[in-house]
Amino acid sequence: MALHFVLEDGGGLEGDEVVLEGREAHHAAAVRRLRAGEQVTVGDGRGTWLRGEAAEVSSGRVVITVQERRHVPAAEPRLVLVQALAKGDRDELAVQAATEIGADEIVPWQATRSVSRWEGAKREKGRARWQTIAREAAKQAHRAWIPEVAEPVSTAQLIERGRGARVLLLVPGAAVPLSGTVLDAADASDVVLVVGPEGGMAPEEIERLCEGGARPVRLGQNVLRTSTAGPAALAIVSAALGRW
């Protein structure tokens, strides 16, 4: 499989040649050991997809001759992962795996039981960190679209955001399994999967979200970590919608 790269600023994909510079050029030459004559693919993270051949390679500049150009439409319906903030790197692991599997958007959630708190400058720093993880994971997975990491939301904001979408709460012990939930692929409304933090969602959060139209579902009989529940659910939903 050809190596895949993403332009830093998402631009510069016009014309017969594409130039990689900065970190992406260094990554191509020094880390991936790209050599002149090798086939590569290049994207902008917003659907533009090019196939070409490396013409010049150095640690500061890589020139690619474009051989094929196409646009990959955005997926529909969109799969949105609402990931509660978690301690350590568990939420970051969820972001990485969810991106590789196919999440189209990731929403950080400041849940009641979240040990980690994004306050002040940490709010934007945390979001930027998740976006970097999503970008690298999308590149690794050869995705034409890089999922956007949205602004962090509170429970009240999550309820408002979910209006008009199909919101599924991943709650251990819920009566209905996710695999038994009927999801119409012809329905263009977002499928929103909500994952709680360590210790799960607070009962009052579940009640409020359900009052707002969400439905509780379970993932089998095992209780999964916050880092694995979202990716597992995305895999099930992707299969149900025919994306896999």
C-alpha atoms as a PDB file:
ATOM      1  CA  MET A   1       0.000   0.000   0.000  1.00  0.00           C
ATOM      2  CA  ALA A   2       1.263   3.470  -0.906  1.00  0.00           C
ATOM      3  CA  LEU A   3       2.373   5.777   1.909  1.00  0.00           C
ATOM      4  CA  HIS A   4      -0.150   8.518   2.733  1.00  0.00           C
ATOM      5  CA  PHE A   5       0.554  12.126   3.689  1.00  0.00           C
ATOM      6  CA  VAL A   6      -1.547  15.145   4.611  1.00  0.00           C
ATOM      7  CA  LEU A   7      -0.610  18.732   3.820  1.00  0.00           C
ATOM      8  CA  GLU A   8      -0.015  20.794   6.953  1.00  0.00           C
ATOM      9  CA  ASP A   9      -2.387  23.621   6.019  1.00  0.00           C
ATOM     10  CA  GLY A  10      -4.744  21.587   3.859  1.00  0.00           C
ATOM     11  CA  GLY A  11      -3.916  23.687   0.768  1.00  0.00           C
ATOM     12  CA  GLY A  12      -1.524  23.546  -2.162  1.00  0.00           C
ATOM     13  CA  LEU A  13      -3.135  20.565  -3.900  1.00  0.00           C
ATOM     14  CA  GLU A  14      -3.680  22.302  -7.218  1.00  0.00           C
ATOM     15  CA  GLY A  15      -1.480  21.794 -10.259  1.00  0.00           C
ATOM     16  CA  ASP A  16       0.604  18.895 -11.505  1.00  0.00           C
ATOM     17  CA  GLU A  17       2.943  18.859  -8.499  1.00  0.00           C
ATOM     18  CA  VAL A  18       2.412  18.850  -4.744  1.00  0.00           C
ATOM     19  CA  VAL A  19       5.128  19.929  -2.326  1.00  0.00           C
ATOM     20  CA  LEU A  20       5.412  18.637   1.231  1.00  0.00           C
ATOM     21  CA  GLU A  21       7.435  20.811   3.593  1.00  0.00           C
ATOM     22  CA  GLY A  22       8.157  21.101   7.306  1.00  0.00           C
ATOM     23  CA  ARG A  23       7.164  18.263   9.593  1.00  0.00           C
ATOM     24  CA  GLU A  24       5.395  16.280   6.886  1.00  0.00           C
ATOM     25  CA  ALA A  25       8.454  16.364   4.609  1.00  0.00           C
ATOM     26  CA  HIS A  26      10.699  15.318   7.495  1.00  0.00           C
ATOM     27  CA  HIS A  27       8.288  12.525   8.394  1.00  0.00           C
ATOM     28  CA  ALA A  28       8.215  11.319   4.789  1.00  0.00           C
ATOM     29  CA  ALA A  29      11.999  11.357   4.295  1.00  0.00           C
ATOM     30  CA  ALA A  30      13.421  10.517   7.716  1.00  0.00           C
ATOM     31  CA  VAL A  31      10.693   8.429   9.365  1.00  0.00           C
ATOM     32  CA  ARG A  32       8.881   6.680   6.507  1.00  0.00           C
ATOM     33  CA  ARG A  33      12.073   6.484   4.388  1.00  0.00           C
ATOM     34  CA  LEU A  34      10.305   7.609   1.230  1.00  0.00           C
ATOM     35  CA  ARG A  35      12.409   7.344  -1.893  1.00  0.00           C
ATOM     36  CA  ALA A  36      12.102   8.984  -5.311  1.00  0.00           C
ATOM     37  CA  GLY A  37       9.985   6.857  -7.635  1.00  0.00           C
ATOM     38  CA  GLU A  38       7.709   5.463  -4.893  1.00  0.00           C
ATOM     39  CA  GLN A  39       3.939   5.754  -5.169  1.00  0.00           C
ATOM     40  CA  VAL A  40       2.200   7.894  -2.533  1.00  0.00           C
ATOM     41  CA  THR A  41      -1.207   9.362  -1.777  1.00  0.00           C
ATOM     42  CA  VAL A  42      -1.770  12.891  -0.481  1.00  0.00           C
ATOM     43  CA  GLY A  43      -4.859  14.501   1.025  1.00  0.00           C
ATOM     44  CA  ASP A  44      -6.065  17.688   2.655  1.00  0.00           C
ATOM     45  CA  GLY A  45      -8.217  15.999   5.305  1.00  0.00           C
ATOM     46  CA  ARG A  46     -11.363  17.417   3.674  1.00  0.00           C
ATOM     47  CA  GLY A  47     -11.998  14.915   0.905  1.00  0.00           C
ATOM     48  CA  THR A  48      -9.367  15.799  -1.695  1.00  0.00           C
ATOM     49  CA  TRP A  49      -7.359  12.690  -2.584  1.00  0.00           C
ATOM     50  CA  LEU A  50      -4.339  12.566  -4.884  1.00  0.00           C
ATOM     51  CA  ARG A  51      -2.227   9.680  -6.096  1.00  0.00           C
ATOM     52  CA  GLY A  52       1.248  10.345  -7.409  1.00  0.00           C
ATOM     53  CA  GLU A  53       4.933   9.547  -7.493  1.00  0.00           C
ATOM     54  CA  ALA A  54       7.702  11.018  -5.355  1.00  0.00           C
ATOM     55  CA  ALA A  55       9.934  13.016  -7.708  1.00  0.00           C
ATOM     56  CA  GLU A  56      12.288  14.678  -5.205  1.00  0.00           C
ATOM     57  CA  VAL A  57      12.864  13.718  -1.571  1.00  0.00           C
ATOM     58  CA  SER A  58      14.787  15.557   1.138  1.00  0.00           C
ATOM     59  CA  SER A  59      14.188  16.103   4.850  1.00  0.00           C
ATOM     60  CA  GLY A  60      12.922  19.631   4.192  1.00  0.00           C
ATOM     61  CA  ARG A  61      11.082  19.236   0.900  1.00  0.00           C
ATOM     62  CA  VAL A  62       9.292  16.456  -0.944  1.00  0.00           C
ATOM     63  CA  VAL A  63       7.948  16.979  -4.464  1.00  0.00           C
ATOM     64  CA  ILE A  64       5.196  14.668  -5.722  1.00  0.00           C
ATOM     65  CA  THR A  65       4.084  14.392  -9.337  1.00  0.00           C
ATOM     66  CA  VAL A  66       0.277  14.073  -9.442  1.00  0.00           C
ATOM     67  CA  GLN A  67      -1.075  11.181 -11.493  1.00  0.00           C
ATOM     68  CA  GLU A  68      -4.688  11.010 -10.307  1.00  0.00           C
ATOM     69  CA  ARG A  69      -6.995  13.441  -8.520  1.00  0.00           C
ATOM     70  CA  ARG A  70     -10.430  12.802  -7.018  1.00  0.00           C
ATOM     71  CA  HIS A  71     -12.782  13.981  -4.286  1.00  0.00           C
ATOM     72  CA  VAL A  72     -14.147  11.575  -1.675  1.00  0.00           C
ATOM     73  CA  PRO A  73     -17.611  12.639  -0.430  1.00  0.00           C
ATOM     74  CA  ALA A  74     -18.130  12.991   3.312  1.00  0.00           C
ATOM     75  CA  ALA A  75     -19.812   9.990   4.933  1.00  0.00           C
ATOM     76  CA  GLU A  76     -23.543  10.113   5.572  1.00  0.00           C
ATOM     77  CA  PRO A  77     -24.976   9.596   8.101  1.00  0.00           C
ATOM     78  CA  ARG A  78     -22.144  10.949  10.216  1.00  0.00           C
ATOM     79  CA  LEU A  79     -20.877   8.981  13.205  1.00  0.00           C
ATOM     80  CA  VAL A  80     -20.221  11.234  16.189  1.00  0.00           C
ATOM     81  CA  LEU A  81     -18.389  10.062  19.307  1.00  0.00           C
ATOM     82  CA  VAL A  82     -19.096  12.005  22.478  1.00  0.00           C
ATOM     83  CA  GLN A  83     -16.195  11.021  24.732  1.00  0.00           C
ATOM     84  CA  ALA A  84     -16.234  11.944  28.413  1.00  0.00           C
ATOM     85  CA  LEU A  85     -12.972  13.366  29.704  1.00  0.00           C
ATOM     86  CA  ALA A  86     -11.008  10.695  31.562  1.00  0.00           C
ATOM     87  CA  LYS A  87      -7.851  10.566  33.614  1.00  0.00           C
ATOM     88  CA  GLY A  88      -4.495   9.488  32.232  1.00  0.00           C
ATOM     89  CA  ASP A  89      -4.498   8.859  28.516  1.00  0.00           C
ATOM     90  CA  ARG A  90      -7.693   6.803  28.348  1.00  0.00           C
ATOM     91  CA  ASP A  91      -9.703   9.431  26.520  1.00  0.00           C
ATOM     92  CA  GLU A  92      -6.812   9.988  24.102  1.00  0.00           C
ATOM     93  CA  LEU A  93      -6.687   6.261  23.354  1.00  0.00           C
ATOM     94  CA  ALA A  94     -10.403   6.417  22.580  1.00  0.00           C
ATOM     95  CA  VAL A  95      -9.875   9.334  20.189  1.00  0.00           C
ATOM     96  CA  GLN A  96      -7.107   7.497  18.352  1.00  0.00           C
ATOM     97  CA  ALA A  97      -8.990   4.221  17.913  1.00  0.00           C
ATOM     98  CA  ALA A  98     -12.299   5.925  17.106  1.00  0.00           C
ATOM     99  CA  THR A  99     -10.649   7.918  14.332  1.00  0.00           C
ATOM    100  CA  GLU A 100      -9.080   4.821  12.813  1.00  0.00           C
ATOM    101  CA  ILE A 101     -12.439   3.025  12.906  1.00  0.00           C
ATOM    102  CA  GLY A 102     -14.351   5.865  11.281  1.00  0.00           C
ATOM    103  CA  ALA A 103     -15.698   8.554  13.640  1.00  0.00           C
ATOM    104  CA  ASP A 104     -16.630  11.664  11.658  1.00  0.00           C
ATOM    105  CA  GLU A 105     -16.607  14.009  14.644  1.00  0.00           C
ATOM    106  CA  ILE A 106     -15.416  13.770  18.232  1.00  0.00           C
ATOM    107  CA  VAL A 107     -16.971  15.797  21.030  1.00  0.00           C
ATOM    108  CA  PRO A 108     -15.207  16.128  24.416  1.00  0.00           C
ATOM    109  CA  TRP A 109     -17.736  15.912  27.261  1.00  0.00           C
ATOM    110  CA  GLN A 110     -17.211  17.314  30.744  1.00  0.00           C
ATOM    111  CA  ALA A 111     -19.315  14.708  32.529  1.00  0.00           C
ATOM    112  CA  THR A 112     -20.238  14.877  36.200  1.00  0.00           C
ATOM    113  CA  ARG A 113     -17.887  12.051  37.112  1.00  0.00           C
ATOM    114  CA  SER A 114     -15.005  13.152  34.888  1.00  0.00           C
ATOM    115  CA  VAL A 115     -11.866  13.266  37.032  1.00  0.00           C
ATOM    116  CA  SER A 116     -10.058  15.284  34.380  1.00  0.00           C
ATOM    117  CA  ARG A 117     -11.235  18.896  34.138  1.00  0.00           C
ATOM    118  CA  TRP A 118     -10.630  21.152  31.159  1.00  0.00           C
ATOM    119  CA  GLU A 119     -10.707  24.637  32.629  1.00  0.00           C
ATOM    120  CA  GLY A 120      -9.087  27.887  31.542  1.00  0.00           C
ATOM    121  CA  ALA A 121      -6.146  27.490  29.169  1.00  0.00           C
ATOM    122  CA  LYS A 122      -6.359  23.699  29.547  1.00  0.00           C
ATOM    123  CA  ARG A 123      -9.630  23.745  27.607  1.00  0.00           C
ATOM    124  CA  GLU A 124      -8.094  24.793  24.289  1.00  0.00           C
ATOM    125  CA  LYS A 125      -4.872  22.888  24.951  1.00  0.00           C
ATOM    126  CA  GLY A 126      -6.818  19.665  25.488  1.00  0.00           C
ATOM    127  CA  ARG A 127      -8.891  20.150  22.377  1.00  0.00           C
ATOM    128  CA  ALA A 128      -5.771  20.862  20.308  1.00  0.00           C
ATOM    129  CA  ARG A 129      -4.141  17.714  21.665  1.00  0.00           C
ATOM    130  CA  TRP A 130      -7.155  15.595  20.666  1.00  0.00           C
ATOM    131  CA  GLN A 131      -7.174  17.189  17.203  1.00  0.00           C
ATOM    132  CA  THR A 132      -3.508  16.299  16.710  1.00  0.00           C
ATOM    133  CA  ILE A 133      -4.213  12.708  17.741  1.00  0.00           C
ATOM    134  CA  ALA A 134      -7.173  12.538  15.351  1.00  0.00           C
ATOM    135  CA  ARG A 135      -5.092  13.957  12.501  1.00  0.00           C
ATOM    136  CA  GLU A 136      -2.290  11.427  12.942  1.00  0.00           C
ATOM    137  CA  ALA A 137      -4.724   8.533  13.356  1.00  0.00           C
ATOM    138  CA  ALA A 138      -6.631   9.558  10.216  1.00  0.00           C
ATOM    139  CA  LYS A 139      -3.364   9.703   8.291  1.00  0.00           C
ATOM    140  CA  GLN A 140      -2.367   6.265   9.570  1.00  0.00           C
ATOM    141  CA  ALA A 141      -5.758   4.890   8.533  1.00  0.00           C
ATOM    142  CA  HIS A 142      -5.565   6.538   5.060  1.00  0.00           C
ATOM    143  CA  ARG A 143      -8.755   8.497   5.653  1.00  0.00           C
ATOM    144  CA  ALA A 144      -9.778  11.194   3.192  1.00  0.00           C
ATOM    145  CA  TRP A 145     -11.565  13.121   5.952  1.00  0.00           C
ATOM    146  CA  ILE A 146      -9.996  14.047   9.282  1.00  0.00           C
ATOM    147  CA  PRO A 147     -12.660  14.162  12.006  1.00  0.00           C
ATOM    148  CA  GLU A 148     -13.100  17.504  13.708  1.00  0.00           C
ATOM    149  CA  VAL A 149     -12.719  17.703  17.471  1.00  0.00           C
ATOM    150  CA  ALA A 150     -15.523  19.980  18.615  1.00  0.00           C
ATOM    151  CA  GLU A 151     -15.586  22.407  21.522  1.00  0.00           C
ATOM    152  CA  PRO A 152     -16.007  20.636  24.892  1.00  0.00           C
ATOM    153  CA  VAL A 153     -19.625  20.430  26.027  1.00  0.00           C
ATOM    154  CA  SER A 154     -21.464  20.228  29.325  1.00  0.00           C
ATOM    155  CA  THR A 155     -24.396  17.861  29.788  1.00  0.00           C
ATOM    156  CA  ALA A 156     -26.859  20.661  29.070  1.00  0.00           C
ATOM    157  CA  GLN A 157     -25.012  21.540  25.863  1.00  0.00           C
ATOM    158  CA  LEU A 158     -24.908  17.881  24.886  1.00  0.00           C
ATOM    159  CA  ILE A 159     -28.680  17.639  25.189  1.00  0.00           C
ATOM    160  CA  GLU A 160     -29.118  20.632  22.881  1.00  0.00           C
ATOM    161  CA  ARG A 161     -26.537  19.313  20.449  1.00  0.00           C
ATOM    162  CA  GLY A 162     -28.306  15.970  20.218  1.00  0.00           C
ATOM    163  CA  ARG A 163     -31.647  17.333  19.090  1.00  0.00           C
ATOM    164  CA  GLY A 164     -32.456  15.952  15.651  1.00  0.00           C
ATOM    165  CA  ALA A 165     -29.805  13.220  15.949  1.00  0.00           C
ATOM    166  CA  ARG A 166     -29.975   9.569  16.949  1.00  0.00           C
ATOM    167  CA  VAL A 167     -28.295   9.656  20.360  1.00  0.00           C
ATOM    168  CA  LEU A 168     -27.286   6.355  21.924  1.00  0.00           C
ATOM    169  CA  LEU A 169     -25.964   6.209  25.494  1.00  0.00           C
ATOM    170  CA  LEU A 170     -23.537   3.357  26.137  1.00  0.00           C
ATOM    171  CA  VAL A 171     -24.753   2.198  29.538  1.00  0.00           C
ATOM    172  CA  PRO A 172     -23.770  -1.201  31.010  1.00  0.00           C
ATOM    173  CA  GLY A 173     -26.894  -3.135  31.950  1.00  0.00           C
ATOM    174  CA  ALA A 174     -29.216  -1.281  29.567  1.00  0.00           C
ATOM    175  CA  ALA A 175     -32.156  -3.390  28.443  1.00  0.00           C
ATOM    176  CA  VAL A 176     -31.459  -3.073  24.714  1.00  0.00           C
ATOM    177  CA  PRO A 177     -28.160  -4.216  23.136  1.00  0.00           C
ATOM    178  CA  LEU A 178     -26.543  -1.893  20.618  1.00  0.00           C
ATOM    179  CA  SER A 179     -26.421  -4.773  18.133  1.00  0.00           C
ATOM    180  CA  GLY A 180     -30.222  -5.018  18.374  1.00  0.00           C
ATOM    181  CA  THR A 181     -30.809  -1.353  17.634  1.00  0.00           C
ATOM    182  CA  VAL A 182     -32.232  -0.734  14.173  1.00  0.00           C
ATOM    183  CA  LEU A 183     -30.303   1.991  12.351  1.00  0.00           C
ATOM    184  CA  ASP A 184     -31.606   3.066   8.949  1.00  0.00           C
ATOM    185  CA  ALA A 185     -28.680   3.881   6.647  1.00  0.00           C
ATOM    186  CA  ALA A 186     -31.050   6.006   4.539  1.00  0.00           C
ATOM    187  CA  ASP A 187     -31.629   8.318   7.507  1.00  0.00           C
ATOM    188  CA  ALA A 188     -29.159  11.196   7.125  1.00  0.00           C
ATOM    189  CA  SER A 189     -29.359  12.311  10.760  1.00  0.00           C
ATOM    190  CA  ASP A 190     -26.201  11.887  12.845  1.00  0.00           C
ATOM    191  CA  VAL A 191     -25.660   8.777  14.947  1.00  0.00           C
ATOM    192  CA  VAL A 192     -24.234  10.031  18.248  1.00  0.00           C
ATOM    193  CA  LEU A 193     -22.565   7.552  20.606  1.00  0.00           C
ATOM    194  CA  VAL A 194     -22.109   8.839  24.154  1.00  0.00           C
ATOM    195  CA  VAL A 195     -19.406   7.297  26.376  1.00  0.00           C
ATOM    196  CA  GLY A 196     -19.134   8.079  30.076  1.00  0.00           C
ATOM    197  CA  PRO A 197     -15.963   8.484  32.153  1.00  0.00           C
ATOM    198  CA  GLU A 198     -14.464   6.112  34.715  1.00  0.00           C
ATOM    199  CA  GLY A 199     -17.308   4.997  36.942  1.00  0.00           C
ATOM    200  CA  GLY A 200     -19.850   5.575  34.190  1.00  0.00           C
ATOM    201  CA  MET A 201     -22.468   8.258  33.743  1.00  0.00           C
ATOM    202  CA  ALA A 202     -24.230   9.648  36.784  1.00  0.00           C
ATOM    203  CA  PRO A 203     -27.887   8.471  37.078  1.00  0.00           C
ATOM    204  CA  GLU A 204     -29.158  12.054  36.839  1.00  0.00           C
ATOM    205  CA  GLU A 205     -27.166  12.545  33.616  1.00  0.00           C
ATOM    206  CA  ILE A 206     -28.714   9.456  32.060  1.00  0.00           C
ATOM    207  CA  GLU A 207     -32.165  10.662  33.087  1.00  0.00           C
ATOM    208  CA  ARG A 208     -31.635  14.143  31.633  1.00  0.00           C
ATOM    209  CA  LEU A 209     -30.195  12.812  28.391  1.00  0.00           C
ATOM    210  CA  CYS A 210     -33.059  10.348  27.976  1.00  0.00           C
ATOM    211  CA  GLU A 211     -35.565  13.129  28.581  1.00  0.00           C
ATOM    212  CA  GLY A 212     -33.807  14.935  25.727  1.00  0.00           C
ATOM    213  CA  GLY A 213     -34.378  11.988  23.377  1.00  0.00           C
ATOM    214  CA  ALA A 214     -31.362   9.724  23.934  1.00  0.00           C
ATOM    215  CA  ARG A 215     -31.678   5.948  24.201  1.00  0.00           C
ATOM    216  CA  PRO A 216     -29.593   3.749  26.547  1.00  0.00           C
ATOM    217  CA  VAL A 217     -27.949   0.705  24.925  1.00  0.00           C
ATOM    218  CA  ARG A 218     -25.446  -1.856  26.162  1.00  0.00           C
ATOM    219  CA  LEU A 219     -22.353  -3.473  24.696  1.00  0.00           C
ATOM    220  CA  GLY A 220     -22.697  -7.163  25.539  1.00  0.00           C
ATOM    221  CA  GLN A 221     -22.378  -8.397  29.100  1.00  0.00           C
ATOM    222  CA  ASN A 222     -18.897  -7.052  29.815  1.00  0.00           C
ATOM    223  CA  VAL A 223     -18.185  -3.616  31.226  1.00  0.00           C
ATOM    224  CA  LEU A 224     -15.676  -1.938  28.918  1.00  0.00           C
ATOM    225  CA  ARG A 225     -13.207   0.788  29.805  1.00  0.00           C
ATOM    226  CA  THR A 226     -13.986   4.326  28.678  1.00  0.00           C
ATOM    227  CA  SER A 227     -11.090   3.965  26.210  1.00  0.00           C
ATOM    228  CA  THR A 228     -12.604   0.933  24.448  1.00  0.00           C
ATOM    229  CA  ALA A 229     -16.381   1.405  24.662  1.00  0.00           C
ATOM    230  CA  GLY A 230     -16.574   4.072  21.967  1.00  0.00           C
ATOM    231  CA  PRO A 231     -14.399   2.288  19.390  1.00  0.00           C
ATOM    232  CA  ALA A 232     -16.284  -0.973  20.003  1.00  0.00           C
ATOM    233  CA  ALA A 233     -19.624   0.768  19.492  1.00  0.00           C
ATOM    234  CA  LEU A 234     -18.378   2.495  16.345  1.00  0.00           C
ATOM    235  CA  ALA A 235     -17.418  -0.871  14.882  1.00  0.00           C
ATOM    236  CA  ILE A 236     -20.905  -2.272  15.513  1.00  0.00           C
ATOM    237  CA  VAL A 237     -22.634   0.788  14.067  1.00  0.00           C
ATOM    238  CA  SER A 238     -20.313   0.893  11.046  1.00  0.00           C
ATOM    239  CA  ALA A 239     -21.275  -2.681  10.211  1.00  0.00           C
ATOM    240  CA  ALA A 240     -24.976  -1.988  10.756  1.00  0.00           C
ATOM    241  CA  LEU A 241     -24.882   0.996   8.381  1.00  0.00           C
ATOM    242  CA  GLY A 242     -22.971  -0.899   5.711  1.00  0.00           C
ATOM    243  CA  ARG A 243     -19.815   1.194   6.081  1.00  0.00           C
ATOM    244  CA  TRP A 244     -17.829  -1.970   6.808  1.00  0.00           C
END
